[in-house]
C-alpha atoms as a PDB file:
ATOM      1  CA  MET A   1      95.725  47.219 179.845  1.00  0.00           C
ATOM      2  CA  LYS A   2      93.307  44.319 179.416  1.00  0.00           C
ATOM      3  CA  ALA A   3      90.950  46.869 177.905  1.00  0.00           C
ATOM      4  CA  LEU A   4      93.457  48.007 175.502  1.00  0.00           C
ATOM      5  CA  LEU A   5      94.135  44.505 174.361  1.00  0.00           C
ATOM      6  CA  LEU A   6      90.451  43.929 174.073  1.00  0.00           C
ATOM      7  CA  ALA A   7      90.189  46.890 171.879  1.00  0.00           C
ATOM      8  CA  LEU A   8      92.913  45.992 169.526  1.00  0.00           C
ATOM      9  CA  THR A   9      91.728  42.328 169.343  1.00  0.00           C
ATOM     10  CA  LEU A  10      88.020  43.705 168.169  1.00  0.00           C
ATOM     11  CA  ALA A  11      89.827  46.068 165.755  1.00  0.00           C
ATOM     12  CA  GLN A  12      91.714  43.122 163.998  1.00  0.00           C
ATOM     13  CA  GLN A  13      88.618  41.033 163.815  1.00  0.00           C
ATOM     14  CA  ALA A  14      86.365  43.676 162.348  1.00  0.00           C
ATOM     15  CA  PRO A  15      85.920  43.694 158.635  1.00  0.00           C
ATOM     16  CA  PRO A  16      87.677  46.397 156.723  1.00  0.00           C
ATOM     17  CA  ASP A  17      85.758  49.691 155.695  1.00  0.00           C
ATOM     18  CA  THR A  18      85.246  49.411 151.981  1.00  0.00           C
ATOM     19  CA  THR A  19      82.742  52.444 151.719  1.00  0.00           C
ATOM     20  CA  VAL A  20      83.656  54.658 148.720  1.00  0.00           C
ATOM     21  CA  PRO A  21      82.331  58.284 148.969  1.00  0.00           C
ATOM     22  CA  ARG A  22      79.891  59.064 146.581  1.00  0.00           C
ATOM     23  CA  ALA A  23      81.990  61.926 145.112  1.00  0.00           C
ATOM     24  CA  SER A  24      84.677  59.476 143.990  1.00  0.00           C
ATOM     25  CA  VAL A  25      82.192  57.185 142.408  1.00  0.00           C
ATOM     26  CA  LEU A  26      81.097  59.802 140.268  1.00  0.00           C
ATOM     27  CA  VAL A  27      84.703  61.248 139.074  1.00  0.00           C
ATOM     28  CA  ARG A  28      84.994  58.579 136.574  1.00  0.00           C
ATOM     29  CA  PRO A  29      81.795  58.851 134.790  1.00  0.00           C
ATOM     30  CA  LEU A  30      81.933  62.538 134.756  1.00  0.00           C
ATOM     31  CA  ALA A  31      85.293  62.442 133.216  1.00  0.00           C
ATOM     32  CA  SER A  32      84.053  60.035 130.588  1.00  0.00           C
ATOM     33  CA  LEU A  33      81.152  61.967 129.788  1.00  0.00           C
ATOM     34  CA  ILE A  34      83.526  65.011 129.098  1.00  0.00           C
ATOM     35  CA  ILE A  35      86.036  63.095 127.248  1.00  0.00           C
ATOM     36  CA  PRO A  36      85.076  59.538 126.440  1.00  0.00           C
ATOM     37  CA  GLY A  37      87.694  56.945 127.862  1.00  0.00           C
ATOM     38  CA  THR A  38      89.055  59.227 130.334  1.00  0.00           C
ATOM     39  CA  GLY A  39      87.048  57.450 133.165  1.00  0.00           C
ATOM     40  CA  GLN A  40      88.264  54.013 131.830  1.00  0.00           C
ATOM     41  CA  LEU A  41      91.926  55.244 131.651  1.00  0.00           C
ATOM     42  CA  LEU A  42      91.610  56.319 135.456  1.00  0.00           C
ATOM     43  CA  ALA A  43      90.774  52.846 136.486  1.00  0.00           C
ATOM     44  CA  HIS A  44      93.532  51.278 134.389  1.00  0.00           C
ATOM     45  CA  GLN A  45      91.183  49.692 131.870  1.00  0.00           C
ATOM     46  CA  ASP A  46      92.546  49.418 128.370  1.00  0.00           C
ATOM     47  CA  ARG A  47      89.117  49.767 126.668  1.00  0.00           C
ATOM     48  CA  GLY A  48      89.202  53.675 127.361  1.00  0.00           C
ATOM     49  CA  ALA A  49      91.664  53.886 124.636  1.00  0.00           C
ATOM     50  CA  VAL A  50      89.046  52.626 122.263  1.00  0.00           C
ATOM     51  CA  TYR A  51      86.596  55.375 123.376  1.00  0.00           C
ATOM     52  CA  LEU A  52      89.247  58.105 123.176  1.00  0.00           C
ATOM     53  CA  ALA A  53      90.235  56.897 119.439  1.00  0.00           C
ATOM     54  CA  ALA A  54      86.648  56.714 118.611  1.00  0.00           C
ATOM     55  CA  GLU A  55      86.182  60.326 119.697  1.00  0.00           C
ATOM     56  CA  VAL A  56      89.216  61.556 117.646  1.00  0.00           C
ATOM     57  CA  TYR A  57      87.950  59.549 114.632  1.00  0.00           C
ATOM     58  CA  LEU A  58      84.255  61.185 114.960  1.00  0.00           C
ATOM     59  CA  VAL A  59      85.443  64.649 115.445  1.00  0.00           C
ATOM     60  CA  SER A  60      88.067  64.625 112.446  1.00  0.00           C
ATOM     61  CA  ARG A  61      85.241  63.170 110.234  1.00  0.00           C
ATOM     62  CA  TYR A  62      82.779  65.728 111.363  1.00  0.00           C
ATOM     63  CA  LEU A  63      85.102  68.560 110.556  1.00  0.00           C
ATOM     64  CA  GLN A  64      86.110  66.963 107.157  1.00  0.00           C
ATOM     65  CA  LEU A  65      82.315  66.748 106.293  1.00  0.00           C
ATOM     66  CA  ASP A  66      81.622  70.031 107.435  1.00  0.00           C
ATOM     67  CA  HIS A  67      84.340  71.597 105.356  1.00  0.00           C
ATOM     68  CA  GLU A  68      83.212  69.487 102.348  1.00  0.00           C
ATOM     69  CA  ALA A  69      79.587  70.991 102.974  1.00  0.00           C
ATOM     70  CA  MET A  70      80.809  74.653 103.258  1.00  0.00           C
ATOM     71  CA  SER A  71      82.823  74.152 100.066  1.00  0.00           C
ATOM     72  CA  GLU A  72      79.682  72.946  97.982  1.00  0.00           C
ATOM     73  CA  GLN A  73      77.773  75.704  99.364  1.00  0.00           C
ATOM     74  CA  ARG A  74      80.331  78.119  98.304  1.00  0.00           C
ATOM     75  CA  ARG A  75      80.378  76.542  94.794  1.00  0.00           C
ATOM     76  CA  PHE A  76      76.461  76.918  94.178  1.00  0.00           C
ATOM     77  CA  GLN A  77      76.242  80.355  95.816  1.00  0.00           C
ATOM     78  CA  ASN A  78      79.037  81.523  93.310  1.00  0.00           C
ATOM     79  CA  LEU A  79      77.422  79.794  90.375  1.00  0.00           C
ATOM     80  CA  ALA A  80      73.962  81.271  91.043  1.00  0.00           C
ATOM     81  CA  PHE A  81      75.588  84.883  91.374  1.00  0.00           C
ATOM     82  CA  ASP A  82      77.872  84.479  88.258  1.00  0.00           C
ATOM     83  CA  VAL A  83      75.186  82.996  85.910  1.00  0.00           C
ATOM     84  CA  ALA A  84      71.586  83.382  87.112  1.00  0.00           C
ATOM     85  CA  ARG A  85      71.635  86.612  89.066  1.00  0.00           C
ATOM     86  CA  ARG A  86      74.284  88.522  87.124  1.00  0.00           C
ATOM     87  CA  GLN A  87      71.991  89.850  84.457  1.00  0.00           C
ATOM     88  CA  TYR A  88      69.908  91.903  87.175  1.00  0.00           C
ATOM     89  CA  GLY A  89      73.082  93.775  88.436  1.00  0.00           C
ATOM     90  CA  PRO A  90      72.704  92.543  91.985  1.00  0.00           C
ATOM     91  CA  THR A  91      74.685  93.598  95.079  1.00  0.00           C
ATOM     92  CA  ARG A  92      76.627  90.556  96.371  1.00  0.00           C
ATOM     93  CA  ARG A  93      74.581  89.595  99.524  1.00  0.00           C
ATOM     94  CA  ASP A  94      73.957  86.124 100.866  1.00  0.00           C
ATOM     95  CA  THR A  95      70.420  85.034 102.080  1.00  0.00           C
ATOM     96  CA  ILE A  96      68.720  81.904 103.410  1.00  0.00           C
ATOM     97  CA  PHE A  97      69.108  78.488 102.146  1.00  0.00           C
ATOM     98  CA  GLU A  98      65.308  78.298 101.011  1.00  0.00           C
ATOM     99  CA  TYR A  99      66.142  81.032  98.401  1.00  0.00           C
ATOM    100  CA  TYR A 100      68.691  78.782  96.679  1.00  0.00           C
ATOM    101  CA  GLU A 101      66.122  75.738  97.023  1.00  0.00           C
ATOM    102  CA  GLN A 102      63.874  77.845  94.798  1.00  0.00           C
ATOM    103  CA  MET A 103      66.546  78.712  92.342  1.00  0.00           C
ATOM    104  CA  GLU A 104      66.799  74.876  92.262  1.00  0.00           C
ATOM    105  CA  ARG A 105      62.990  74.240  91.510  1.00  0.00           C
ATOM    106  CA  PHE A 106      62.120  77.185  89.500  1.00  0.00           C
ATOM    107  CA  THR A 107      64.034  78.460  86.313  1.00  0.00           C
ATOM    108  CA  GLU A 108      63.271  82.085  86.885  1.00  0.00           C
ATOM    109  CA  SER A 109      62.184  84.263  89.786  1.00  0.00           C
ATOM    110  CA  GLY A 110      59.931  86.496  87.638  1.00  0.00           C
ATOM    111  CA  SER A 111      59.412  90.030  88.073  1.00  0.00           C
ATOM    112  CA  TYR A 112      58.723  91.508  91.505  1.00  0.00           C
ATOM    113  CA  ASP A 113      56.612  94.488  90.359  1.00  0.00           C
ATOM    114  CA  ARG A 114      55.405  94.118  86.564  1.00  0.00           C
ATOM    115  CA  ASP A 115      54.527  97.948  86.315  1.00  0.00           C
ATOM    116  CA  SER A 116      57.208 100.555  86.878  1.00  0.00           C
ATOM    117  CA  GLY A 117      54.717 103.078  87.394  1.00  0.00           C
ATOM    118  CA  ALA A 118      52.616 104.073  90.526  1.00  0.00           C
ATOM    119  CA  ALA A 119      50.461 100.927  90.393  1.00  0.00           C
ATOM    120  CA  PHE A 120      51.925  97.607  91.964  1.00  0.00           C
ATOM    121  CA  VAL A 121      51.302  94.564  89.878  1.00  0.00           C
ATOM    122  CA  PRO A 122      52.731  91.119  90.837  1.00  0.00           C
ATOM    123  CA  GLU A 123      54.181  88.622  88.622  1.00  0.00           C
ATOM    124  CA  THR A 124      51.264  86.580  86.988  1.00  0.00           C
ATOM    125  CA  ASP A 125      53.085  83.807  85.279  1.00  0.00           C
ATOM    126  CA  PRO A 126      52.852  80.757  87.740  1.00  0.00           C
ATOM    127  CA  ARG A 127      55.903  78.967  85.893  1.00  0.00           C
ATOM    128  CA  THR A 128      58.107  81.516  87.716  1.00  0.00           C
ATOM    129  CA  TYR A 129      58.588  81.488  91.555  1.00  0.00           C
ATOM    130  CA  ASN A 130      57.079  85.039  92.080  1.00  0.00           C
ATOM    131  CA  GLY A 131      54.159  84.019  89.759  1.00  0.00           C
ATOM    132  CA  SER A 132      53.580  80.995  91.946  1.00  0.00           C
ATOM    133  CA  VAL A 133      53.561  83.145  95.061  1.00  0.00           C
ATOM    134  CA  TRP A 134      50.939  85.311  93.503  1.00  0.00           C
ATOM    135  CA  LEU A 135      48.995  82.401  92.709  1.00  0.00           C
ATOM    136  CA  LEU A 136      49.044  81.061  96.192  1.00  0.00           C
ATOM    137  CA  ALA A 137      48.123  84.368  97.706  1.00  0.00           C
ATOM    138  CA  ARG A 138      44.981  84.777  95.394  1.00  0.00           C
ATOM    139  CA  ARG A 139      43.953  81.067  96.173  1.00  0.00           C
ATOM    140  CA  THR A 140      44.194  81.695  99.837  1.00  0.00           C
ATOM    141  CA  TYR A 141      42.383  85.059  99.975  1.00  0.00           C
ATOM    142  CA  TRP A 142      40.154  85.394  97.146  1.00  0.00           C
ATOM    143  CA  GLU A 143      36.963  83.591  96.692  1.00  0.00           C
ATOM    144  CA  ASP A 144      37.866  82.858  92.952  1.00  0.00           C
ATOM    145  CA  PRO A 145      41.727  83.280  91.914  1.00  0.00           C
ATOM    146  CA  ALA A 146      40.895  84.085  88.502  1.00  0.00           C
ATOM    147  CA  ILE A 147      38.632  86.800  89.365  1.00  0.00           C
ATOM    148  CA  PRO A 148      40.211  89.717  91.084  1.00  0.00           C
ATOM    149  CA  PRO A 149      38.054  91.528  93.843  1.00  0.00           C
ATOM    150  CA  ASP A 150      38.040  95.281  93.929  1.00  0.00           C
ATOM    151  CA  PRO A 151      41.491  96.698  94.662  1.00  0.00           C
ATOM    152  CA  THR A 152      40.370  98.560  97.580  1.00  0.00           C
ATOM    153  CA  SER A 153      38.966  95.357  99.480  1.00  0.00           C
ATOM    154  CA  PRO A 154      40.598  93.722 102.256  1.00  0.00           C
ATOM    155  CA  GLN A 155      40.767  90.410 100.333  1.00  0.00           C
ATOM    156  CA  TYR A 156      42.916  92.058  97.708  1.00  0.00           C
ATOM    157  CA  TRP A 157      45.165  93.827  99.996  1.00  0.00           C
ATOM    158  CA  LYS A 158      45.769  90.786 102.173  1.00  0.00           C
ATOM    159  CA  ALA A 159      46.658  88.833  98.938  1.00  0.00           C
ATOM    160  CA  LEU A 160      48.991  91.889  97.950  1.00  0.00           C
ATOM    161  CA  GLN A 161      50.789  91.787 101.418  1.00  0.00           C
ATOM    162  CA  PHE A 162      51.095  88.085 101.436  1.00  0.00           C
ATOM    163  CA  TYR A 163      52.920  88.214  97.974  1.00  0.00           C
ATOM    164  CA  GLN A 164      55.075  91.094  99.093  1.00  0.00           C
ATOM    165  CA  ALA A 165      56.163  89.329 102.252  1.00  0.00           C
ATOM    166  CA  ARG A 166      57.293  86.172 100.252  1.00  0.00           C
ATOM    167  CA  ALA A 167      58.281  87.163  96.545  1.00  0.00           C
ATOM    168  CA  VAL A 168      61.804  87.566  95.442  1.00  0.00           C
ATOM    169  CA  GLY A 169      62.718  91.357  95.259  1.00  0.00           C
ATOM    170  CA  PRO A 170      64.670  92.965  92.479  1.00  0.00           C
ATOM    171  CA  ASN A 171      68.335  92.409  94.081  1.00  0.00           C
ATOM    172  CA  PHE A 172      67.640  88.517  94.234  1.00  0.00           C
ATOM    173  CA  GLN A 173      65.853  87.918  90.980  1.00  0.00           C
ATOM    174  CA  TRP A 174      67.293  85.405  88.716  1.00  0.00           C
ATOM    175  CA  SER A 175      66.699  83.571  85.587  1.00  0.00           C
ATOM    176  CA  TRP A 176      68.515  80.310  84.389  1.00  0.00           C
ATOM    177  CA  ARG A 177      67.167  80.596  80.855  1.00  0.00           C
ATOM    178  CA  ASP A 178      69.555  79.447  78.081  1.00  0.00           C
ATOM    179  CA  HIS A 179      71.749  78.243  80.996  1.00  0.00           C
ATOM    180  CA  SER A 180      70.173  74.752  81.584  1.00  0.00           C
ATOM    181  CA  LEU A 181      73.506  73.065  81.581  1.00  0.00           C
ATOM    182  CA  GLU A 182      74.624  75.439  84.629  1.00  0.00           C
ATOM    183  CA  HIS A 183      71.514  74.786  86.278  1.00  0.00           C
ATOM    184  CA  GLU A 184      71.891  71.097  86.604  1.00  0.00           C
ATOM    185  CA  VAL A 185      75.372  71.729  87.946  1.00  0.00           C
ATOM    186  CA  PHE A 186      73.981  74.128  90.349  1.00  0.00           C
ATOM    187  CA  ARG A 187      71.530  71.260  91.595  1.00  0.00           C
ATOM    188  CA  ASP A 188      74.437  68.986  91.760  1.00  0.00           C
ATOM    189  CA  PHE A 189      76.108  71.280  93.981  1.00  0.00           C
ATOM    190  CA  ILE A 190      73.269  71.655  96.186  1.00  0.00           C
ATOM    191  CA  LYS A 191      72.528  67.855  96.287  1.00  0.00           C
ATOM    192  CA  ARG A 192      76.241  67.209  97.529  1.00  0.00           C
ATOM    193  CA  SER A 193      76.253  70.081  99.929  1.00  0.00           C
ATOM    194  CA  ASP A 194      73.038  68.659 101.570  1.00  0.00           C
ATOM    195  CA  THR A 195      74.504  65.105 101.635  1.00  0.00           C
ATOM    196  CA  ALA A 196      77.738  66.414 103.225  1.00  0.00           C
ATOM    197  CA  PHE A 197      75.703  68.356 105.913  1.00  0.00           C
ATOM    198  CA  ARG A 198      73.498  65.418 106.730  1.00  0.00           C
ATOM    199  CA  ARG A 199      76.415  63.181 107.219  1.00  0.00           C
ATOM    200  CA  ALA A 200      78.170  65.560 109.456  1.00  0.00           C
ATOM    201  CA  GLN A 201      74.902  65.864 111.628  1.00  0.00           C
ATOM    202  CA  ASN A 202      75.102  62.184 111.904  1.00  0.00           C
ATOM    203  CA  GLN A 203      78.504  62.299 113.282  1.00  0.00           C
ATOM    204  CA  ILE A 204      77.510  64.649 116.013  1.00  0.00           C
ATOM    205  CA  GLY A 205      74.817  62.237 116.860  1.00  0.00           C
ATOM    206  CA  LEU A 206      77.473  59.190 117.017  1.00  0.00           C
ATOM    207  CA  LEU A 207      79.773  61.755 119.169  1.00  0.00           C
ATOM    208  CA  LEU A 208      77.084  62.174 121.552  1.00  0.00           C
ATOM    209  CA  ALA A 209      76.460  58.451 121.865  1.00  0.00           C
ATOM    210  CA  ASN A 210      80.219  57.702 122.431  1.00  0.00           C
ATOM    211  CA  HIS A 211      80.223  60.061 125.467  1.00  0.00           C
ATOM    212  CA  VAL A 212      76.973  58.683 127.032  1.00  0.00           C
ATOM    213  CA  VAL A 213      78.114  54.991 126.470  1.00  0.00           C
ATOM    214  CA  SER A 214      81.431  55.631 127.894  1.00  0.00           C
ATOM    215  CA  ALA A 215      80.214  57.526 130.942  1.00  0.00           C
ATOM    216  CA  VAL A 216      77.499  54.777 131.714  1.00  0.00           C
ATOM    217  CA  ASP A 217      80.361  52.201 131.303  1.00  0.00           C
ATOM    218  CA  ALA A 218      82.499  54.017 133.828  1.00  0.00           C
ATOM    219  CA  LEU A 219      79.478  54.731 136.060  1.00  0.00           C
ATOM    220  CA  ILE A 220      78.571  50.796 136.216  1.00  0.00           C
ATOM    221  CA  SER A 221      82.287  49.933 136.660  1.00  0.00           C
ATOM    222  CA  ALA A 222      82.487  52.481 139.664  1.00  0.00           C
ATOM    223  CA  ARG A 223      79.493  51.262 141.432  1.00  0.00           C
ATOM    224  CA  LEU A 224      80.383  47.672 141.075  1.00  0.00           C
ATOM    225  CA  THR A 225      83.784  48.504 142.681  1.00  0.00           C
ATOM    226  CA  ALA A 226      82.264  50.321 145.435  1.00  0.00           C
ATOM    227  CA  VAL A 227      79.674  47.664 146.341  1.00  0.00           C
ATOM    228  CA  ALA A 228      82.474  44.824 146.071  1.00  0.00           C
ATOM    229  CA  GLY A 229      85.158  46.737 147.798  1.00  0.00           C
ATOM    230  CA  ARG A 230      87.435  45.538 145.009  1.00  0.00           C
ATOM    231  CA  PRO A 231      88.104  46.509 141.539  1.00  0.00           C
ATOM    232  CA  ALA A 232      85.420  45.527 139.147  1.00  0.00           C
ATOM    233  CA  GLU A 233      84.626  45.778 135.455  1.00  0.00           C
ATOM    234  CA  MET A 234      81.822  45.375 133.004  1.00  0.00           C
ATOM    235  CA  HIS A 235      82.276  43.538 129.773  1.00  0.00           C
ATOM    236  CA  LEU A 236      80.134  44.160 126.716  1.00  0.00           C
ATOM    237  CA  ARG A 237      80.273  41.780 123.788  1.00  0.00           C
ATOM    238  CA  LEU A 238      78.742  43.465 120.831  1.00  0.00           C
ATOM    239  CA  GLY A 239      76.985  41.736 117.880  1.00  0.00           C
ATOM    240  CA  PRO A 240      75.300  42.973 114.760  1.00  0.00           C
ATOM    241  CA  GLY A 241      72.821  45.750 115.771  1.00  0.00           C
ATOM    242  CA  SER A 242      72.675  44.764 119.608  1.00  0.00           C
ATOM    243  CA  VAL A 243      74.501  43.627 122.571  1.00  0.00           C
ATOM    244  CA  ARG A 244      75.280  39.834 122.528  1.00  0.00           C
ATOM    245  CA  GLN A 245      76.677  39.419 125.929  1.00  0.00           C
ATOM    246  CA  ILE A 246      77.057  41.280 129.334  1.00  0.00           C
ATOM    247  CA  ARG A 247      79.678  39.744 131.754  1.00  0.00           C
ATOM    248  CA  PHE A 248      81.013  41.373 135.017  1.00  0.00           C
ATOM    249  CA  SER A 249      84.052  40.508 136.679  1.00  0.00           C
ATOM    250  CA  VAL A 250      85.476  41.326 140.100  1.00  0.00           C
ATOM    251  CA  ALA A 251      89.110  41.006 141.151  1.00  0.00           C
ATOM    252  CA  PHE A 252      90.167  38.840 144.171  1.00  0.00           C
END
């Protein structure tokens, strides 16, 4: 009987076990990493609503900018097909964005093969896109770009292969000649599409930052709670461009 009373007395005098399992410490940070603010809301911290509201705003803003960018992209693609490419009777096929960037820079693509016979003759006018590609090929592989080597020489064939791999083929030729106004509108559509895409990418960066900050916030609060054995919070006071004040609070 005395031994039982002694055991009860020692149990009452012993400090309570405040050890928090490691798994439970990670639940809130992981929840915030997946959906910002949920870790804070699980701990009944009101600022979780701020993280969640920021997530909703950033996602909606990204979708809006992405839709705007795609709309502008369809506009410059349609304009290019209807004005600059139509005269060549092309098949409606899309291609890489760099193609439209060259359409922005050059008024004409130039011919792909200037000789309709058996011999292959590249475009020679450097003011056209294909002509500029052939000039670059000659400068790369010929000793003198103005003096052609023997047509059967390796230098000539390497330049020709370079041209054929990069020049615009018949189905993608274009010309903005006599359509300078439409060309300017085309450039404006590309600029607006690029701007919208860049701003949408910035929203992705902000989204990732919101996930990370919310997770770190939840992790610090959870660790403080585990160490103190009581509910604990970290408070940040933000200033222009930096954190002005960090304050910790522990409930008693």
